[in-house]
């Protein structure tokens, strides 16, 4: 009796390369509660993951974002992560020299 091969894993890639990224502050990445790596501007983090439901969290120590998704066997889930000046951020930079930077995740087409 032949045993059935397990389903292939999925892949997730998180890229930080948008031109409007402030290119400052590293971004810490967690997948399903486990710390993975730090993303700096221009980097891509690629991980092999089991099929199923996952939670990706990112934080720049000022703000954080969460993205939940389901990965199917063999799928390549692609996300973009970026740090942007928050609304009103330029005004606070002018007034006190520091602006709020918000981190965001968004899914991109495969």
N, C-alpha and C. Protein backbone atom coordinates (compact mmCIF):
# COMPACT_ATOMS: atom_id res chain seq x y z
N UNK A 1 0.85 -1.17 0.00
CA UNK A 1 0.00 0.00 0.00
C UNK A 1 0.89 1.24 0.00
N UNK A 2 0.73 2.08 -0.99
CA UNK A 2 1.56 3.28 -1.11
C UNK A 2 1.04 4.37 -0.19
N UNK A 3 1.97 5.03 0.47
CA UNK A 3 1.54 6.13 1.33
C UNK A 3 1.40 7.41 0.50
N UNK A 4 0.47 8.21 0.93
CA UNK A 4 0.20 9.46 0.22
C UNK A 4 1.25 10.50 0.61
N UNK A 5 1.78 11.20 -0.38
CA UNK A 5 2.76 12.25 -0.11
C UNK A 5 2.06 13.42 0.57
N UNK A 6 2.74 14.05 1.53
CA UNK A 6 2.12 15.22 2.18
C UNK A 6 1.97 16.35 1.16
N UNK A 7 0.99 17.23 1.38
CA UNK A 7 0.83 18.35 0.44
C UNK A 7 2.06 19.25 0.48
N UNK A 8 2.37 19.85 -0.67
CA UNK A 8 3.53 20.75 -0.68
C UNK A 8 3.27 21.98 0.19
N UNK A 9 4.34 22.51 0.72
CA UNK A 9 4.23 23.72 1.53
C UNK A 9 3.92 24.92 0.65
N UNK A 10 3.55 26.01 1.29
CA UNK A 10 3.35 27.29 0.62
C UNK A 10 4.56 28.17 0.92
N UNK A 11 4.62 29.30 0.27
CA UNK A 11 5.70 30.27 0.49
C UNK A 11 5.08 31.63 0.74
N UNK A 12 5.66 32.38 1.66
CA UNK A 12 5.26 33.77 1.85
C UNK A 12 6.49 34.65 1.67
N UNK A 13 6.31 35.75 0.94
CA UNK A 13 7.37 36.74 0.75
C UNK A 13 6.84 38.10 1.19
N UNK A 14 7.63 38.78 2.01
CA UNK A 14 7.29 40.13 2.47
C UNK A 14 8.40 41.05 1.95
N UNK A 15 8.01 42.02 1.11
CA UNK A 15 8.98 42.92 0.48
C UNK A 15 8.79 44.33 1.03
N UNK A 16 9.91 45.00 1.24
CA UNK A 16 9.87 46.40 1.68
C UNK A 16 10.66 47.23 0.67
N UNK A 17 9.95 47.76 -0.33
CA UNK A 17 10.65 48.48 -1.40
C UNK A 17 9.87 49.63 -2.02
N UNK A 18 8.78 50.06 -1.38
CA UNK A 18 7.98 51.12 -1.99
C UNK A 18 8.74 52.45 -1.98
N UNK A 19 8.63 53.23 -3.06
CA UNK A 19 9.37 54.49 -3.14
C UNK A 19 8.92 55.51 -2.09
N UNK A 20 7.68 55.38 -1.57
CA UNK A 20 7.23 56.35 -0.56
C UNK A 20 7.53 55.90 0.87
N UNK A 21 8.26 54.80 1.02
CA UNK A 21 8.71 54.36 2.35
C UNK A 21 9.73 55.39 2.85
N UNK A 22 9.66 55.72 4.13
CA UNK A 22 10.59 56.71 4.68
C UNK A 22 12.02 56.17 4.77
N UNK A 23 12.18 54.87 4.53
CA UNK A 23 13.49 54.20 4.53
C UNK A 23 14.22 54.36 5.85
N UNK A 24 13.45 54.49 6.91
CA UNK A 24 14.00 54.61 8.25
C UNK A 24 13.24 53.64 9.14
N UNK A 25 13.77 53.30 10.26
CA UNK A 25 13.18 52.38 11.23
C UNK A 25 13.05 50.99 10.65
N UNK A 26 13.66 50.07 11.29
CA UNK A 26 13.50 48.67 10.90
C UNK A 26 12.11 48.20 11.27
N UNK A 27 11.71 47.11 10.64
CA UNK A 27 10.39 46.52 10.88
C UNK A 27 10.59 45.08 11.33
N UNK A 28 10.12 44.76 12.51
CA UNK A 28 10.21 43.39 13.05
C UNK A 28 9.03 42.59 12.53
N UNK A 29 9.26 41.32 12.15
CA UNK A 29 8.24 40.45 11.57
C UNK A 29 8.01 39.23 12.44
N UNK A 30 6.72 38.91 12.70
CA UNK A 30 6.33 37.68 13.42
C UNK A 30 5.36 36.91 12.54
N UNK A 31 5.52 35.60 12.50
CA UNK A 31 4.57 34.73 11.80
C UNK A 31 4.03 33.74 12.81
N UNK A 32 2.72 33.75 12.99
CA UNK A 32 2.05 32.86 13.94
C UNK A 32 2.66 32.94 15.34
N UNK A 33 3.01 34.16 15.74
CA UNK A 33 3.52 34.40 17.09
C UNK A 33 5.01 34.18 17.26
N UNK A 34 5.71 33.73 16.23
CA UNK A 34 7.15 33.49 16.33
C UNK A 34 7.92 34.58 15.59
N UNK A 35 8.88 35.19 16.29
CA UNK A 35 9.71 36.23 15.67
C UNK A 35 10.48 35.62 14.51
N UNK A 36 10.53 36.33 13.38
CA UNK A 36 11.20 35.83 12.18
C UNK A 36 12.47 36.60 11.87
N UNK A 37 12.34 37.88 11.59
CA UNK A 37 13.50 38.65 11.15
C UNK A 37 13.16 40.13 11.22
N UNK A 38 14.12 40.94 10.86
CA UNK A 38 13.95 42.39 10.77
C UNK A 38 14.04 42.78 9.31
N UNK A 39 13.08 43.58 8.84
CA UNK A 39 13.10 44.07 7.46
C UNK A 39 13.63 45.49 7.44
N UNK A 40 14.65 45.70 6.67
CA UNK A 40 15.13 47.04 6.40
C UNK A 40 14.73 47.39 4.97
N UNK A 41 14.79 48.67 4.63
CA UNK A 41 14.38 49.09 3.29
C UNK A 41 15.18 48.34 2.22
N UNK A 42 14.46 47.85 1.20
CA UNK A 42 15.09 47.14 0.09
C UNK A 42 15.16 45.63 0.28
N UNK A 43 14.77 45.13 1.44
CA UNK A 43 14.86 43.70 1.73
C UNK A 43 13.57 42.96 1.38
N UNK A 44 13.71 41.66 1.14
CA UNK A 44 12.57 40.75 1.01
C UNK A 44 12.83 39.56 1.92
N UNK A 45 11.84 39.21 2.71
CA UNK A 45 11.90 38.04 3.59
C UNK A 45 11.01 36.97 2.98
N UNK A 46 11.56 35.79 2.72
CA UNK A 46 10.80 34.68 2.14
C UNK A 46 10.87 33.49 3.09
N UNK A 47 9.69 32.93 3.39
CA UNK A 47 9.60 31.80 4.32
C UNK A 47 8.75 30.69 3.71
N UNK A 48 9.13 29.46 3.98
CA UNK A 48 8.31 28.31 3.61
C UNK A 48 7.35 28.06 4.77
N UNK A 49 6.07 27.90 4.45
CA UNK A 49 5.05 27.73 5.50
C UNK A 49 4.15 26.55 5.16
N UNK A 50 3.55 25.97 6.19
CA UNK A 50 2.59 24.89 5.98
C UNK A 50 1.29 25.48 5.44
N UNK A 51 0.58 24.74 4.62
CA UNK A 51 -0.74 25.21 4.18
C UNK A 51 -1.64 25.42 5.39
N UNK A 52 -2.56 26.37 5.28
CA UNK A 52 -3.50 26.63 6.37
C UNK A 52 -3.58 28.10 6.72
N UNK A 53 -4.18 28.38 7.87
CA UNK A 53 -4.41 29.75 8.33
C UNK A 53 -3.17 30.27 9.06
N UNK A 54 -2.79 31.52 8.77
CA UNK A 54 -1.61 32.13 9.38
C UNK A 54 -1.89 33.58 9.74
N UNK A 55 -1.13 34.08 10.70
CA UNK A 55 -1.19 35.48 11.11
C UNK A 55 0.20 36.08 11.02
N UNK A 56 0.33 37.14 10.24
CA UNK A 56 1.59 37.85 10.09
C UNK A 56 1.46 39.18 10.82
N UNK A 57 2.41 39.49 11.68
CA UNK A 57 2.41 40.78 12.38
C UNK A 57 3.73 41.48 12.11
N UNK A 58 3.64 42.81 11.97
CA UNK A 58 4.83 43.63 11.81
C UNK A 58 4.76 44.81 12.77
N UNK A 59 5.93 45.28 13.20
CA UNK A 59 5.99 46.43 14.11
C UNK A 59 7.26 47.22 13.83
N UNK A 60 7.12 48.55 13.87
CA UNK A 60 8.30 49.41 13.76
C UNK A 60 8.60 50.06 15.12
N UNK A 61 8.07 49.53 16.18
CA UNK A 61 8.13 49.97 17.58
C UNK A 61 7.24 51.17 17.88
N UNK A 62 6.75 51.85 16.83
CA UNK A 62 5.81 52.96 17.02
C UNK A 62 4.38 52.50 16.72
N UNK A 63 4.23 51.75 15.63
CA UNK A 63 2.93 51.22 15.24
C UNK A 63 3.11 49.79 14.78
N UNK A 64 1.99 49.08 14.62
CA UNK A 64 2.05 47.71 14.13
C UNK A 64 0.85 47.43 13.24
N UNK A 65 0.96 46.37 12.47
CA UNK A 65 -0.12 45.95 11.59
C UNK A 65 -0.16 44.43 11.59
N UNK A 66 -1.34 43.88 11.28
CA UNK A 66 -1.55 42.43 11.26
C UNK A 66 -2.26 42.05 9.98
N UNK A 67 -1.86 40.93 9.41
CA UNK A 67 -2.52 40.42 8.21
C UNK A 67 -2.76 38.93 8.40
N UNK A 68 -4.02 38.52 8.34
CA UNK A 68 -4.37 37.10 8.45
C UNK A 68 -4.70 36.58 7.07
N UNK A 69 -4.28 35.35 6.80
CA UNK A 69 -4.48 34.77 5.47
C UNK A 69 -4.50 33.25 5.55
N UNK A 70 -5.03 32.65 4.50
CA UNK A 70 -5.02 31.20 4.33
C UNK A 70 -4.11 30.90 3.15
N UNK A 71 -3.19 29.97 3.35
CA UNK A 71 -2.26 29.57 2.30
C UNK A 71 -2.63 28.17 1.82
N UNK A 72 -2.68 28.00 0.52
CA UNK A 72 -2.98 26.69 -0.05
C UNK A 72 -1.67 26.01 -0.45
N UNK A 73 -1.66 24.69 -0.57
CA UNK A 73 -0.44 23.98 -0.95
C UNK A 73 0.14 24.52 -2.25
N UNK A 74 1.42 24.85 -2.26
CA UNK A 74 2.09 25.35 -3.45
C UNK A 74 1.90 26.83 -3.73
N UNK A 75 1.06 27.52 -2.96
CA UNK A 75 0.79 28.94 -3.20
C UNK A 75 1.97 29.81 -2.77
N UNK A 76 2.15 30.93 -3.49
CA UNK A 76 3.15 31.93 -3.10
C UNK A 76 2.40 33.19 -2.70
N UNK A 77 2.32 33.44 -1.41
CA UNK A 77 1.64 34.62 -0.86
C UNK A 77 2.65 35.77 -0.86
N UNK A 78 2.29 36.88 -1.51
CA UNK A 78 3.21 38.02 -1.60
C UNK A 78 2.59 39.23 -0.91
N UNK A 79 3.37 39.82 -0.02
CA UNK A 79 2.93 41.01 0.72
C UNK A 79 3.98 42.10 0.58
N UNK A 80 3.52 43.33 0.67
CA UNK A 80 4.41 44.48 0.69
C UNK A 80 4.26 45.15 2.06
N UNK A 81 5.36 45.54 2.62
CA UNK A 81 5.38 46.20 3.92
C UNK A 81 6.07 47.54 3.76
N UNK A 82 5.55 48.58 4.42
CA UNK A 82 6.20 49.88 4.29
C UNK A 82 5.96 50.74 5.52
N UNK A 83 6.90 51.65 5.75
CA UNK A 83 6.81 52.69 6.77
C UNK A 83 6.50 54.00 6.07
N UNK A 84 5.41 54.64 6.47
CA UNK A 84 5.04 55.93 5.89
C UNK A 84 4.83 56.94 7.01
N UNK A 85 5.02 58.21 6.66
CA UNK A 85 4.71 59.28 7.60
C UNK A 85 3.20 59.29 7.79
N UNK A 86 2.76 59.25 9.04
CA UNK A 86 1.33 59.24 9.35
C UNK A 86 0.71 60.60 9.02
N UNK A 87 -0.62 60.60 8.88
CA UNK A 87 -1.33 61.86 8.61
C UNK A 87 -0.95 62.88 9.68
N UNK A 88 -0.61 64.06 9.26
CA UNK A 88 -0.19 65.11 10.18
C UNK A 88 1.26 64.97 10.60
N UNK A 89 1.94 63.97 10.10
CA UNK A 89 3.32 63.70 10.50
C UNK A 89 4.29 64.81 10.13
N UNK A 90 4.11 65.39 8.94
CA UNK A 90 5.02 66.47 8.55
C UNK A 90 4.88 67.69 9.46
N UNK A 91 3.66 67.94 9.92
CA UNK A 91 3.43 69.05 10.84
C UNK A 91 4.15 68.81 12.16
N UNK A 92 4.07 67.58 12.67
CA UNK A 92 4.77 67.29 13.94
C UNK A 92 6.28 67.33 13.76
N UNK A 93 6.75 66.97 12.57
CA UNK A 93 8.19 67.09 12.31
C UNK A 93 8.61 68.55 12.38
N UNK A 94 7.82 69.44 11.78
CA UNK A 94 8.14 70.86 11.81
C UNK A 94 8.05 71.44 13.21
N UNK A 95 7.06 70.97 14.00
CA UNK A 95 6.84 71.54 15.33
C UNK A 95 7.81 71.00 16.38
N UNK A 96 8.02 69.69 16.39
CA UNK A 96 8.84 69.11 17.47
C UNK A 96 10.03 68.29 16.98
N UNK A 97 10.17 68.19 15.65
CA UNK A 97 11.33 67.50 15.10
C UNK A 97 11.17 65.99 14.96
N UNK A 98 10.01 65.46 15.34
CA UNK A 98 9.77 64.02 15.25
C UNK A 98 8.39 63.81 14.65
N UNK A 99 8.29 62.88 13.72
CA UNK A 99 7.00 62.58 13.10
C UNK A 99 6.61 61.13 13.33
N UNK A 100 5.32 60.89 13.41
CA UNK A 100 4.83 59.53 13.58
C UNK A 100 4.95 58.77 12.27
N UNK A 101 5.54 57.59 12.34
CA UNK A 101 5.69 56.73 11.18
C UNK A 101 4.81 55.51 11.41
N UNK A 102 3.95 55.20 10.44
CA UNK A 102 3.07 54.05 10.59
C UNK A 102 3.52 52.94 9.66
N UNK A 103 3.42 51.71 10.12
CA UNK A 103 3.78 50.55 9.32
C UNK A 103 2.52 49.92 8.76
N UNK A 104 2.56 49.45 7.51
CA UNK A 104 1.40 48.85 6.87
C UNK A 104 1.80 47.63 6.06
N UNK A 105 0.90 46.66 6.00
CA UNK A 105 1.02 45.47 5.18
C UNK A 105 -0.07 45.48 4.12
N UNK A 106 0.25 45.05 2.92
CA UNK A 106 -0.77 44.92 1.89
C UNK A 106 -0.40 43.75 0.99
N UNK A 107 -1.40 43.01 0.56
CA UNK A 107 -1.17 41.88 -0.33
C UNK A 107 -0.98 42.41 -1.75
N UNK A 108 -0.06 41.82 -2.48
CA UNK A 108 0.17 42.22 -3.86
C UNK A 108 -0.10 41.02 -4.76
N UNK A 109 -0.41 41.30 -6.01
CA UNK A 109 -0.73 40.24 -6.96
C UNK A 109 0.48 39.33 -7.17
N UNK A 110 0.19 38.07 -7.33
CA UNK A 110 1.26 37.08 -7.53
C UNK A 110 1.91 37.21 -8.87
